[in-house]
Amino acid sequence: MPRLLTALCLLAASPMLAAFEFASVAEPAIMYDANSLQANKLFVATRYLPLEQIVVLENWVKVRDASGTMLWIEKRNLSSKRYVVVTADKTVIRTTWDDSAPIAFTAPRQLGLEWLGNNGAWVKVRHRDSTMGYVKAVDVWGD
């Protein structure tokens, strides 16, 4: 039993097992199927694409995208500035976190919005034109 407890403590202290965090693609970047430049190149990720960091190594990060696909990206291509992506066909961004609040703007599927924080079931976002508002968390991914 003491060995099991020791092993669990060592695993918990591992930097690779930290709580999952989100990052965004800083500039268009190649996504790979392994952590090597010789690995298969799968596609080019667009700027602002939010990714959930699963494993962080010295130069590589294993990430999950909105579809649940696991991929690898060079660490240098990630930004700590967070974005969310609209996953609903179309969603309404409101001026406050209330269903009856005035509409700030509407956003189509796949639009990237800067993440400014969460407030319960709502996410505060900023459009690239600087318009800010609140969107339901169920309508976006990356928060």
C-alpha atoms as a PDB file:
ATOM      1  CA  MET A   1       0.000   0.000   0.000  1.00  0.00           C
ATOM      2  CA  PRO A   2       2.766   2.560   0.770  1.00  0.00           C
ATOM      3  CA  ARG A   3       4.239   2.005  -2.721  1.00  0.00           C
ATOM      4  CA  LEU A   4       0.885   2.724  -4.331  1.00  0.00           C
ATOM      5  CA  LEU A   5       0.505   5.897  -2.299  1.00  0.00           C
ATOM      6  CA  THR A   6       4.027   7.002  -3.253  1.00  0.00           C
ATOM      7  CA  ALA A   7       3.354   6.308  -6.938  1.00  0.00           C
ATOM      8  CA  LEU A   8       0.115   8.297  -6.821  1.00  0.00           C
ATOM      9  CA  CYS A   9       1.888  11.235  -5.147  1.00  0.00           C
ATOM     10  CA  LEU A  10       4.597  11.219  -7.817  1.00  0.00           C
ATOM     11  CA  LEU A  11       1.992  11.173 -10.579  1.00  0.00           C
ATOM     12  CA  ALA A  12       0.076  14.025  -8.983  1.00  0.00           C
ATOM     13  CA  ALA A  13       3.256  16.104  -8.857  1.00  0.00           C
ATOM     14  CA  SER A  14       4.004  15.520 -12.540  1.00  0.00           C
ATOM     15  CA  PRO A  15       3.837  18.731 -14.627  1.00  0.00           C
ATOM     16  CA  MET A  16       2.208  16.789 -17.463  1.00  0.00           C
ATOM     17  CA  LEU A  17      -0.831  16.063 -15.313  1.00  0.00           C
ATOM     18  CA  ALA A  18      -1.728  19.640 -14.462  1.00  0.00           C
ATOM     19  CA  ALA A  19      -5.334  20.751 -14.868  1.00  0.00           C
ATOM     20  CA  PHE A  20      -6.261  21.078 -18.509  1.00  0.00           C
ATOM     21  CA  GLU A  21      -5.967  24.610 -19.783  1.00  0.00           C
ATOM     22  CA  PHE A  22      -6.905  26.266 -23.020  1.00  0.00           C
ATOM     23  CA  ALA A  23      -4.604  28.112 -25.389  1.00  0.00           C
ATOM     24  CA  SER A  24      -5.112  29.493 -28.860  1.00  0.00           C
ATOM     25  CA  VAL A  25      -3.158  29.228 -32.079  1.00  0.00           C
ATOM     26  CA  ALA A  26      -1.060  32.408 -32.396  1.00  0.00           C
ATOM     27  CA  GLU A  27      -0.566  32.230 -36.177  1.00  0.00           C
ATOM     28  CA  PRO A  28      -1.579  29.567 -38.724  1.00  0.00           C
ATOM     29  CA  ALA A  29       0.260  26.409 -37.666  1.00  0.00           C
ATOM     30  CA  ILE A  30       0.707  22.822 -38.792  1.00  0.00           C
ATOM     31  CA  MET A  31      -1.014  20.158 -36.703  1.00  0.00           C
ATOM     32  CA  TYR A  32       0.752  16.784 -36.454  1.00  0.00           C
ATOM     33  CA  ASP A  33      -0.199  13.249 -35.438  1.00  0.00           C
ATOM     34  CA  ALA A  34       2.878  12.972 -33.169  1.00  0.00           C
ATOM     35  CA  ASN A  35       5.366  15.243 -31.440  1.00  0.00           C
ATOM     36  CA  SER A  36       7.936  15.389 -34.231  1.00  0.00           C
ATOM     37  CA  LEU A  37       8.530  17.459 -37.346  1.00  0.00           C
ATOM     38  CA  GLN A  38       8.865  14.124 -39.160  1.00  0.00           C
ATOM     39  CA  ALA A  39       5.334  13.063 -38.082  1.00  0.00           C
ATOM     40  CA  ASN A  40       2.364  13.205 -40.461  1.00  0.00           C
ATOM     41  CA  LYS A  41       1.159  16.734 -41.132  1.00  0.00           C
ATOM     42  CA  LEU A  42      -2.620  16.660 -40.731  1.00  0.00           C
ATOM     43  CA  PHE A  43      -3.764  20.202 -41.507  1.00  0.00           C
ATOM     44  CA  VAL A  44      -3.035  23.855 -40.886  1.00  0.00           C
ATOM     45  CA  ALA A  45      -4.856  25.329 -37.898  1.00  0.00           C
ATOM     46  CA  THR A  46      -6.149  28.863 -38.275  1.00  0.00           C
ATOM     47  CA  ARG A  47      -5.199  31.752 -36.047  1.00  0.00           C
ATOM     48  CA  TYR A  48      -7.231  32.007 -32.808  1.00  0.00           C
ATOM     49  CA  LEU A  49      -8.314  28.349 -32.888  1.00  0.00           C
ATOM     50  CA  PRO A  50      -8.890  27.356 -29.250  1.00  0.00           C
ATOM     51  CA  LEU A  51      -7.195  24.136 -28.146  1.00  0.00           C
ATOM     52  CA  GLU A  52      -7.310  22.259 -24.860  1.00  0.00           C
ATOM     53  CA  GLN A  53      -3.793  21.437 -23.680  1.00  0.00           C
ATOM     54  CA  ILE A  54      -3.564  17.785 -22.628  1.00  0.00           C
ATOM     55  CA  VAL A  55       0.191  17.152 -22.380  1.00  0.00           C
ATOM     56  CA  VAL A  56       2.832  19.882 -22.345  1.00  0.00           C
ATOM     57  CA  LEU A  57       6.397  18.929 -23.230  1.00  0.00           C
ATOM     58  CA  GLU A  58       9.443  21.138 -23.749  1.00  0.00           C
ATOM     59  CA  ASN A  59       8.727  21.999 -27.407  1.00  0.00           C
ATOM     60  CA  TRP A  60       5.411  20.264 -28.129  1.00  0.00           C
ATOM     61  CA  VAL A  61       1.862  20.269 -26.799  1.00  0.00           C
ATOM     62  CA  LYS A  62      -0.700  17.511 -27.240  1.00  0.00           C
ATOM     63  CA  VAL A  63      -4.053  19.211 -27.692  1.00  0.00           C
ATOM     64  CA  ARG A  64      -7.729  18.435 -28.192  1.00  0.00           C
ATOM     65  CA  ASP A  65      -9.847  20.477 -30.592  1.00  0.00           C
ATOM     66  CA  ALA A  66     -13.587  21.171 -30.435  1.00  0.00           C
ATOM     67  CA  SER A  67     -14.371  17.909 -32.243  1.00  0.00           C
ATOM     68  CA  GLY A  68     -12.429  15.912 -29.625  1.00  0.00           C
ATOM     69  CA  THR A  69      -9.565  15.073 -31.988  1.00  0.00           C
ATOM     70  CA  MET A  70      -6.155  14.747 -30.321  1.00  0.00           C
ATOM     71  CA  LEU A  71      -3.305  16.437 -32.185  1.00  0.00           C
ATOM     72  CA  TRP A  72       0.202  17.772 -31.623  1.00  0.00           C
ATOM     73  CA  ILE A  73       1.380  21.345 -32.186  1.00  0.00           C
ATOM     74  CA  GLU A  74       4.719  23.027 -31.655  1.00  0.00           C
ATOM     75  CA  LYS A  75       4.585  24.947 -28.378  1.00  0.00           C
ATOM     76  CA  ARG A  76       5.939  28.106 -30.030  1.00  0.00           C
ATOM     77  CA  ASN A  77       2.720  28.324 -32.114  1.00  0.00           C
ATOM     78  CA  LEU A  78       0.442  28.723 -29.107  1.00  0.00           C
ATOM     79  CA  SER A  79      -0.671  31.899 -27.386  1.00  0.00           C
ATOM     80  CA  SER A  80      -1.954  32.227 -23.840  1.00  0.00           C
ATOM     81  CA  LYS A  81      -4.503  34.748 -25.159  1.00  0.00           C
ATOM     82  CA  ARG A  82      -7.682  32.712 -25.158  1.00  0.00           C
ATOM     83  CA  TYR A  83     -10.407  32.459 -27.734  1.00  0.00           C
ATOM     84  CA  VAL A  84     -13.606  30.463 -27.998  1.00  0.00           C
ATOM     85  CA  VAL A  85     -15.219  29.174 -31.165  1.00  0.00           C
ATOM     86  CA  VAL A  86     -18.966  29.203 -31.830  1.00  0.00           C
ATOM     87  CA  THR A  87     -20.229  25.618 -32.035  1.00  0.00           C
ATOM     88  CA  ALA A  88     -23.940  26.407 -32.457  1.00  0.00           C
ATOM     89  CA  ASP A  89     -25.242  27.029 -35.981  1.00  0.00           C
ATOM     90  CA  LYS A  90     -25.808  30.647 -34.967  1.00  0.00           C
ATOM     91  CA  THR A  91     -25.777  32.247 -31.555  1.00  0.00           C
ATOM     92  CA  VAL A  92     -26.812  35.517 -29.975  1.00  0.00           C
ATOM     93  CA  ILE A  93     -24.357  37.596 -27.970  1.00  0.00           C
ATOM     94  CA  ARG A  94     -26.141  39.772 -25.440  1.00  0.00           C
ATOM     95  CA  THR A  95     -25.107  42.982 -23.683  1.00  0.00           C
ATOM     96  CA  THR A  96     -25.372  41.309 -20.248  1.00  0.00           C
ATOM     97  CA  TRP A  97     -25.658  37.724 -19.012  1.00  0.00           C
ATOM     98  CA  ASP A  98     -29.437  37.604 -19.226  1.00  0.00           C
ATOM     99  CA  ASP A  99     -31.673  35.966 -21.853  1.00  0.00           C
ATOM    100  CA  SER A 100     -33.788  39.121 -22.017  1.00  0.00           C
ATOM    101  CA  ALA A 101     -30.834  41.530 -22.411  1.00  0.00           C
ATOM    102  CA  PRO A 102     -30.494  43.448 -25.680  1.00  0.00           C
ATOM    103  CA  ILE A 103     -28.581  41.726 -28.484  1.00  0.00           C
ATOM    104  CA  ALA A 104     -25.021  43.015 -28.965  1.00  0.00           C
ATOM    105  CA  PHE A 105     -24.480  40.947 -32.131  1.00  0.00           C
ATOM    106  CA  THR A 106     -25.042  37.507 -33.615  1.00  0.00           C
ATOM    107  CA  ALA A 107     -22.287  35.056 -34.432  1.00  0.00           C
ATOM    108  CA  PRO A 108     -22.237  32.233 -36.989  1.00  0.00           C
ATOM    109  CA  ARG A 109     -20.801  28.753 -36.438  1.00  0.00           C
ATOM    110  CA  GLN A 110     -16.965  28.591 -36.331  1.00  0.00           C
ATOM    111  CA  LEU A 111     -16.495  32.291 -35.535  1.00  0.00           C
ATOM    112  CA  GLY A 112     -13.618  32.869 -33.140  1.00  0.00           C
ATOM    113  CA  LEU A 113     -14.262  35.287 -30.278  1.00  0.00           C
ATOM    114  CA  GLU A 114     -11.801  36.487 -27.670  1.00  0.00           C
ATOM    115  CA  TRP A 115     -12.532  34.911 -24.280  1.00  0.00           C
ATOM    116  CA  LEU A 116     -12.774  37.488 -21.485  1.00  0.00           C
ATOM    117  CA  GLY A 117     -14.005  35.251 -18.675  1.00  0.00           C
ATOM    118  CA  ASN A 118     -16.869  33.130 -17.449  1.00  0.00           C
ATOM    119  CA  ASN A 119     -19.886  34.103 -15.381  1.00  0.00           C
ATOM    120  CA  GLY A 120     -21.745  30.917 -14.547  1.00  0.00           C
ATOM    121  CA  ALA A 121     -23.472  29.662 -17.695  1.00  0.00           C
ATOM    122  CA  TRP A 122     -22.319  32.709 -19.675  1.00  0.00           C
ATOM    123  CA  VAL A 123     -19.005  33.597 -21.317  1.00  0.00           C
ATOM    124  CA  LYS A 124     -17.878  37.182 -21.792  1.00  0.00           C
ATOM    125  CA  VAL A 125     -16.445  37.626 -25.302  1.00  0.00           C
ATOM    126  CA  ARG A 126     -15.081  40.284 -27.638  1.00  0.00           C
ATOM    127  CA  HIS A 127     -15.542  40.290 -31.407  1.00  0.00           C
ATOM    128  CA  ARG A 128     -12.584  41.368 -33.559  1.00  0.00           C
ATOM    129  CA  ASP A 129     -14.406  44.675 -34.183  1.00  0.00           C
ATOM    130  CA  SER A 130     -14.157  45.289 -30.374  1.00  0.00           C
ATOM    131  CA  THR A 131     -17.863  44.696 -29.661  1.00  0.00           C
ATOM    132  CA  MET A 132     -18.220  42.882 -26.335  1.00  0.00           C
ATOM    133  CA  GLY A 133     -21.027  40.806 -24.923  1.00  0.00           C
ATOM    134  CA  TYR A 134     -22.104  37.579 -23.291  1.00  0.00           C
ATOM    135  CA  VAL A 135     -22.816  34.241 -24.957  1.00  0.00           C
ATOM    136  CA  LYS A 136     -24.226  31.075 -23.444  1.00  0.00           C
ATOM    137  CA  ALA A 137     -21.395  28.690 -22.645  1.00  0.00           C
ATOM    138  CA  VAL A 138     -23.221  25.818 -24.367  1.00  0.00           C
ATOM    139  CA  ASP A 139     -22.944  27.692 -27.692  1.00  0.00           C
ATOM    140  CA  VAL A 140     -19.141  27.983 -27.680  1.00  0.00           C
ATOM    141  CA  TRP A 141     -16.082  25.776 -27.078  1.00  0.00           C
ATOM    142  CA  GLY A 142     -12.830  26.754 -25.445  1.00  0.00           C
ATOM    143  CA  ASP A 143     -13.989  28.287 -22.192  1.00  0.00           C
END
